[in-house]
Amino acid sequence: MNHNGYFAVKLDKSWQDIIKKNATMEVVRGDHITIAYKPEEKVFDRLTKLVGKRVNAYIDEFRKNENIEAFWVTDMFYDRYRLTESEKRLERVDDGEAHITVSHKKGLKPKEANTMFTNPTYTRTAIGYVEGTLEWIDFK
């Protein structure tokens, strides 16, 4: 059974404000990093134990194409600023790369964000990190 919702690192408000300053398209996002979308039971059980944990996410690039723009997330850790124990690393469970969608054109489906990683028309180095909390967002 898949659960109807998703796990995401909800960025702190101060980081959301910084990310959103990079938006150039109609629909502005910049508030989370999806970890698992409609997860299966095993994944749901594992990630539920981490809900509420503080997460540090490292970014290294800004990418965009004509439809969407996002920051590429290279690494995520919970309860630490750097990896000290293997179980402290947090990784995206779904297909696709971990990223923070900054903005996109109207009508674009979230899954289409992956096109910007395989076919970007613009990239720039953007080294830094953001912080947030792992949450479960239920589709009610």
C-alpha atoms as a PDB file:
ATOM      1  CA  MET A   1       0.000   0.000   0.000  1.00  0.00           C
ATOM      2  CA  ASN A   2       1.290   3.441  -0.898  1.00  0.00           C
ATOM      3  CA  HIS A   3       0.568   6.326   1.451  1.00  0.00           C
ATOM      4  CA  ASN A   4      -1.189   9.386   0.018  1.00  0.00           C
ATOM      5  CA  GLY A   5       1.280  12.190   0.686  1.00  0.00           C
ATOM      6  CA  TYR A   6       4.990  12.848   0.717  1.00  0.00           C
ATOM      7  CA  PHE A   7       7.995  13.318   2.973  1.00  0.00           C
ATOM      8  CA  ALA A   8       9.907  16.542   2.461  1.00  0.00           C
ATOM      9  CA  VAL A   9      12.470  18.738   4.098  1.00  0.00           C
ATOM     10  CA  LYS A  10      10.442  21.881   4.773  1.00  0.00           C
ATOM     11  CA  LEU A  11      12.924  24.746   4.588  1.00  0.00           C
ATOM     12  CA  ASP A  12      13.058  27.297   7.376  1.00  0.00           C
ATOM     13  CA  LYS A  13      11.290  30.554   6.474  1.00  0.00           C
ATOM     14  CA  SER A  14      14.561  32.516   6.312  1.00  0.00           C
ATOM     15  CA  TRP A  15      15.967  30.026   3.761  1.00  0.00           C
ATOM     16  CA  GLN A  16      12.723  30.056   1.770  1.00  0.00           C
ATOM     17  CA  ASP A  17      12.993  33.830   1.442  1.00  0.00           C
ATOM     18  CA  ILE A  18      16.568  33.562   0.136  1.00  0.00           C
ATOM     19  CA  ILE A  19      15.711  30.784  -2.352  1.00  0.00           C
ATOM     20  CA  LYS A  20      12.629  32.642  -3.647  1.00  0.00           C
ATOM     21  CA  LYS A  21      14.720  35.720  -4.496  1.00  0.00           C
ATOM     22  CA  ASN A  22      16.080  33.655  -7.424  1.00  0.00           C
ATOM     23  CA  ALA A  23      12.615  33.093  -8.959  1.00  0.00           C
ATOM     24  CA  THR A  24      12.035  34.376 -12.495  1.00  0.00           C
ATOM     25  CA  MET A  25       8.920  32.379 -13.493  1.00  0.00           C
ATOM     26  CA  GLU A  26       5.195  32.668 -12.672  1.00  0.00           C
ATOM     27  CA  VAL A  27       4.771  29.945 -10.022  1.00  0.00           C
ATOM     28  CA  VAL A  28       7.183  30.478  -7.128  1.00  0.00           C
ATOM     29  CA  ARG A  29       7.992  27.500  -4.859  1.00  0.00           C
ATOM     30  CA  GLY A  30      11.318  27.363  -2.978  1.00  0.00           C
ATOM     31  CA  ASP A  31       9.965  25.848   0.213  1.00  0.00           C
ATOM     32  CA  HIS A  32      10.933  22.151   0.306  1.00  0.00           C
ATOM     33  CA  ILE A  33      13.018  19.213  -0.919  1.00  0.00           C
ATOM     34  CA  THR A  34      10.940  16.134  -1.714  1.00  0.00           C
ATOM     35  CA  ILE A  35      12.342  12.953  -0.148  1.00  0.00           C
ATOM     36  CA  ALA A  36       9.626  10.360  -0.898  1.00  0.00           C
ATOM     37  CA  TYR A  37       6.393  10.854  -2.872  1.00  0.00           C
ATOM     38  CA  LYS A  38       3.512   8.476  -2.068  1.00  0.00           C
ATOM     39  CA  PRO A  39       5.898   6.068  -0.320  1.00  0.00           C
ATOM     40  CA  GLU A  40       5.382   2.362   0.129  1.00  0.00           C
ATOM     41  CA  GLU A  41       4.845   1.021   3.652  1.00  0.00           C
ATOM     42  CA  LYS A  42       8.485   0.104   4.300  1.00  0.00           C
ATOM     43  CA  VAL A  43       9.746   3.564   3.296  1.00  0.00           C
ATOM     44  CA  PHE A  44       6.903   5.258   5.188  1.00  0.00           C
ATOM     45  CA  ASP A  45       7.771   3.391   8.394  1.00  0.00           C
ATOM     46  CA  ARG A  46      11.481   4.219   8.109  1.00  0.00           C
ATOM     47  CA  LEU A  47      11.001   7.925   7.382  1.00  0.00           C
ATOM     48  CA  THR A  48       8.220   8.417   9.947  1.00  0.00           C
ATOM     49  CA  LYS A  49      10.845   7.840  12.648  1.00  0.00           C
ATOM     50  CA  LEU A  50      12.794  10.835  11.305  1.00  0.00           C
ATOM     51  CA  VAL A  51       9.905  13.327  11.155  1.00  0.00           C
ATOM     52  CA  GLY A  52      10.838  16.435  13.110  1.00  0.00           C
ATOM     53  CA  LYS A  53      14.584  15.966  12.634  1.00  0.00           C
ATOM     54  CA  ARG A  54      16.620  19.011  11.630  1.00  0.00           C
ATOM     55  CA  VAL A  55      18.174  18.614   8.175  1.00  0.00           C
ATOM     56  CA  ASN A  56      21.071  20.448   6.535  1.00  0.00           C
ATOM     57  CA  ALA A  57      21.077  20.285   2.738  1.00  0.00           C
ATOM     58  CA  TYR A  58      24.054  21.275   0.609  1.00  0.00           C
ATOM     59  CA  ILE A  59      23.574  22.782  -2.833  1.00  0.00           C
ATOM     60  CA  ASP A  60      26.180  23.259  -5.536  1.00  0.00           C
ATOM     61  CA  GLU A  61      24.391  24.387  -8.676  1.00  0.00           C
ATOM     62  CA  PHE A  62      21.453  26.388 -10.016  1.00  0.00           C
ATOM     63  CA  ARG A  63      19.890  24.943 -13.168  1.00  0.00           C
ATOM     64  CA  LYS A  64      17.049  25.993 -15.409  1.00  0.00           C
ATOM     65  CA  ASN A  65      15.433  25.545 -18.768  1.00  0.00           C
ATOM     66  CA  GLU A  66      12.533  27.343 -20.443  1.00  0.00           C
ATOM     67  CA  ASN A  67       9.985  25.795 -18.030  1.00  0.00           C
ATOM     68  CA  ILE A  68      11.551  25.424 -14.589  1.00  0.00           C
ATOM     69  CA  GLU A  69      14.479  26.441 -12.373  1.00  0.00           C
ATOM     70  CA  ALA A  70      15.920  24.786  -9.281  1.00  0.00           C
ATOM     71  CA  PHE A  71      18.892  24.333  -6.987  1.00  0.00           C
ATOM     72  CA  TRP A  72      20.651  20.943  -7.148  1.00  0.00           C
ATOM     73  CA  VAL A  73      21.012  19.299  -3.715  1.00  0.00           C
ATOM     74  CA  THR A  74      24.219  17.295  -3.394  1.00  0.00           C
ATOM     75  CA  ASP A  75      23.966  16.004   0.167  1.00  0.00           C
ATOM     76  CA  MET A  76      21.640  16.038   3.167  1.00  0.00           C
ATOM     77  CA  PHE A  77      22.314  15.216   6.816  1.00  0.00           C
ATOM     78  CA  TYR A  78      20.084  15.178   9.846  1.00  0.00           C
ATOM     79  CA  ASP A  79      21.157  16.125  13.372  1.00  0.00           C
ATOM     80  CA  ARG A  80      24.614  17.150  12.102  1.00  0.00           C
ATOM     81  CA  TYR A  81      26.297  19.691   9.824  1.00  0.00           C
ATOM     82  CA  ARG A  82      28.470  17.040   8.231  1.00  0.00           C
ATOM     83  CA  LEU A  83      28.485  13.279   8.016  1.00  0.00           C
ATOM     84  CA  THR A  84      29.795  11.656  11.184  1.00  0.00           C
ATOM     85  CA  GLU A  85      27.833   8.401  11.133  1.00  0.00           C
ATOM     86  CA  SER A  86      26.434   6.649   8.075  1.00  0.00           C
ATOM     87  CA  GLU A  87      22.873   6.613   9.424  1.00  0.00           C
ATOM     88  CA  LYS A  88      22.865  10.422   9.596  1.00  0.00           C
ATOM     89  CA  ARG A  89      22.756  10.839   5.786  1.00  0.00           C
ATOM     90  CA  LEU A  90      19.345  11.529   4.273  1.00  0.00           C
ATOM     91  CA  GLU A  91      18.748  10.681   0.621  1.00  0.00           C
ATOM     92  CA  ARG A  92      15.865  11.047  -1.786  1.00  0.00           C
ATOM     93  CA  VAL A  93      13.989   7.773  -2.104  1.00  0.00           C
ATOM     94  CA  ASP A  94      12.133   8.442  -5.383  1.00  0.00           C
ATOM     95  CA  ASP A  95      13.398   8.544  -8.937  1.00  0.00           C
ATOM     96  CA  GLY A  96      14.966  11.838  -9.832  1.00  0.00           C
ATOM     97  CA  GLU A  97      17.491  14.036  -8.136  1.00  0.00           C
ATOM     98  CA  ALA A  98      17.129  15.908  -4.871  1.00  0.00           C
ATOM     99  CA  HIS A  99      16.449  19.570  -5.646  1.00  0.00           C
ATOM    100  CA  ILE A 100      14.663  22.704  -4.523  1.00  0.00           C
ATOM    101  CA  THR A 101      12.296  23.945  -7.212  1.00  0.00           C
ATOM    102  CA  VAL A 102      12.614  27.730  -7.225  1.00  0.00           C
ATOM    103  CA  SER A 103       9.909  28.563  -9.774  1.00  0.00           C
ATOM    104  CA  HIS A 104       8.264  27.240 -12.914  1.00  0.00           C
ATOM    105  CA  LYS A 105       5.799  28.153 -15.637  1.00  0.00           C
ATOM    106  CA  LYS A 106       2.075  27.722 -15.006  1.00  0.00           C
ATOM    107  CA  GLY A 107       0.698  24.288 -15.819  1.00  0.00           C
ATOM    108  CA  LEU A 108       3.971  22.428 -15.285  1.00  0.00           C
ATOM    109  CA  LYS A 109       3.636  19.230 -13.277  1.00  0.00           C
ATOM    110  CA  PRO A 110       6.137  18.830 -10.386  1.00  0.00           C
ATOM    111  CA  LYS A 111       7.515  15.577 -11.878  1.00  0.00           C
ATOM    112  CA  GLU A 112       8.651  17.575 -14.925  1.00  0.00           C
ATOM    113  CA  ALA A 113      11.306  19.211 -12.740  1.00  0.00           C
ATOM    114  CA  ASN A 114      13.608  16.338 -13.659  1.00  0.00           C
ATOM    115  CA  THR A 115      13.853  17.634 -17.251  1.00  0.00           C
ATOM    116  CA  MET A 116      15.869  20.586 -16.018  1.00  0.00           C
ATOM    117  CA  PHE A 117      18.544  18.257 -14.688  1.00  0.00           C
ATOM    118  CA  THR A 118      18.877  16.243 -17.869  1.00  0.00           C
ATOM    119  CA  ASN A 119      18.390  19.142 -20.294  1.00  0.00           C
ATOM    120  CA  PRO A 120      19.277  22.471 -18.659  1.00  0.00           C
ATOM    121  CA  THR A 121      19.733  25.511 -20.858  1.00  0.00           C
ATOM    122  CA  TYR A 122      21.496  27.417 -18.086  1.00  0.00           C
ATOM    123  CA  THR A 123      23.687  26.391 -15.147  1.00  0.00           C
ATOM    124  CA  ARG A 124      25.740  28.306 -12.627  1.00  0.00           C
ATOM    125  CA  THR A 125      27.707  27.311  -9.581  1.00  0.00           C
ATOM    126  CA  ALA A 126      25.790  28.083  -6.398  1.00  0.00           C
ATOM    127  CA  ILE A 127      27.606  26.655  -3.390  1.00  0.00           C
ATOM    128  CA  GLY A 128      25.844  26.824  -0.054  1.00  0.00           C
ATOM    129  CA  TYR A 129      23.469  25.087   2.291  1.00  0.00           C
ATOM    130  CA  VAL A 130      19.933  25.424   3.590  1.00  0.00           C
ATOM    131  CA  GLU A 131      18.250  24.121   6.716  1.00  0.00           C
ATOM    132  CA  GLY A 132      14.837  22.712   7.464  1.00  0.00           C
ATOM    133  CA  THR A 133      12.845  19.989   9.177  1.00  0.00           C
ATOM    134  CA  LEU A 134      11.702  16.638   7.811  1.00  0.00           C
ATOM    135  CA  GLU A 135       7.890  16.583   7.575  1.00  0.00           C
ATOM    136  CA  TRP A 136       5.096  14.339   6.321  1.00  0.00           C
ATOM    137  CA  ILE A 137       2.651  16.247   4.093  1.00  0.00           C
ATOM    138  CA  ASP A 138      -0.642  14.399   3.764  1.00  0.00           C
ATOM    139  CA  PHE A 139      -2.849  14.792   0.652  1.00  0.00           C
ATOM    140  CA  LYS A 140      -6.169  15.109   2.416  1.00  0.00           C
END
